Amino acid sequence: MAHKKAAGKTTQRTPVRGKRLGLKIFGGQKANSGNIIVRQRGTKFHPGIGTKIGRDFTIYAIKSGIVKFITKRGIKYITVN
């Protein structure tokens, strides 16, 4: 009886790079028009005033200003004023 599992496909998998998700510009920092503020999977953050959401849920600034994080009714919004 074998005392070791067979080396299957899961153990031979090639390493995969991370997708570099997360906040790129933090609250209180300046964002220019077109700057990416957060890269995410799903809507952890929602777009507020001065921001838009991309097809892959990336939130980016549509005008220059200071980034601010606001919570309304348990939903987190990102605004640029």
Protein backbone atom coordinates (compact mmCIF):
# COMPACT_ATOMS: atom_id res chain seq x y z
CA MET A 1 0.00 0.00 0.00
CA ALA A 2 1.35 3.38 -0.98
CA HIS A 3 2.25 5.84 1.76
CA LYS A 4 2.45 8.81 -0.59
CA LYS A 5 -0.13 10.28 -2.94
CA ALA A 6 0.63 10.06 -6.63
CA ALA A 7 2.05 13.25 -8.12
CA GLY A 8 -0.99 14.33 -10.09
CA LYS A 9 -1.70 17.39 -12.21
CA THR A 10 -2.42 19.62 -9.21
CA THR A 11 1.11 19.24 -7.87
CA GLN A 12 2.64 19.86 -11.32
CA ARG A 13 0.81 23.15 -11.90
CA THR A 14 2.90 26.10 -13.07
CA PRO A 15 2.98 29.12 -10.74
CA VAL A 16 0.47 31.84 -11.70
CA ARG A 17 1.16 35.52 -11.11
CA GLY A 18 -1.16 37.61 -8.97
CA LYS A 19 -3.52 39.98 -10.75
CA ARG A 20 -2.33 43.15 -8.93
CA LEU A 21 -5.76 44.01 -7.58
CA GLY A 22 -6.50 46.55 -4.85
CA LEU A 23 -6.31 50.26 -4.18
CA LYS A 24 -3.99 52.28 -6.37
CA ILE A 25 -4.85 55.75 -4.98
CA PHE A 26 -5.81 56.14 -1.32
CA GLY A 27 -8.18 58.56 0.41
CA GLY A 28 -6.88 62.12 0.61
CA GLN A 29 -4.54 61.70 -2.35
CA LYS A 30 -4.89 63.61 -5.61
CA ALA A 31 -6.21 61.82 -8.71
CA ASN A 32 -6.02 63.15 -12.24
CA SER A 33 -8.64 62.47 -14.89
CA GLY A 34 -8.32 58.87 -16.13
CA ASN A 35 -6.32 57.62 -13.13
CA ILE A 36 -7.24 54.16 -11.85
CA ILE A 37 -8.31 54.33 -8.20
CA VAL A 38 -9.10 50.67 -7.47
CA ARG A 39 -8.89 47.37 -9.37
CA GLN A 40 -11.32 44.81 -8.02
CA ARG A 41 -13.36 41.68 -8.70
CA GLY A 42 -17.00 42.54 -8.24
CA THR A 43 -18.26 45.74 -6.63
CA LYS A 44 -16.54 45.92 -3.26
CA PHE A 45 -16.46 49.68 -3.92
CA HIS A 46 -19.10 51.53 -5.95
CA PRO A 47 -18.48 54.62 -8.13
CA GLY A 48 -19.59 57.96 -6.70
CA ILE A 49 -19.34 61.55 -7.90
CA GLY A 50 -16.41 62.11 -10.28
CA THR A 51 -15.76 58.39 -10.90
CA LYS A 52 -16.91 55.71 -13.31
CA ILE A 53 -16.72 51.92 -13.35
CA GLY A 54 -15.08 49.89 -16.11
CA ARG A 55 -16.15 46.58 -17.62
CA ASP A 56 -13.87 44.65 -15.25
CA PHE A 57 -15.16 46.64 -12.19
CA THR A 58 -12.15 49.00 -12.24
CA ILE A 59 -13.06 52.38 -10.75
CA TYR A 60 -11.34 55.37 -12.36
CA ALA A 61 -11.50 59.15 -12.04
CA ILE A 62 -13.28 61.20 -14.71
CA LYS A 63 -12.11 64.54 -13.28
CA SER A 64 -9.15 65.75 -11.26
CA GLY A 65 -9.49 66.14 -7.50
CA ILE A 66 -9.05 64.54 -4.08
CA VAL A 67 -10.15 60.92 -3.56
CA LYS A 68 -12.65 60.36 -0.77
CA PHE A 69 -14.20 57.13 0.56
CA ILE A 70 -17.83 57.39 1.76
CA THR A 71 -20.11 54.76 3.31
CA LYS A 72 -23.88 55.16 2.81
CA ARG A 73 -26.31 52.48 4.03
CA GLY A 74 -23.49 49.96 4.27
CA ILE A 75 -22.30 50.53 0.68
CA LYS A 76 -18.80 51.91 0.12
CA TYR A 77 -18.52 54.67 -2.50
CA ILE A 78 -15.46 56.35 -3.97
CA THR A 79 -15.76 60.01 -4.96
CA VAL A 80 -13.39 62.56 -6.50
CA ASN A 81 -14.05 66.23 -5.68
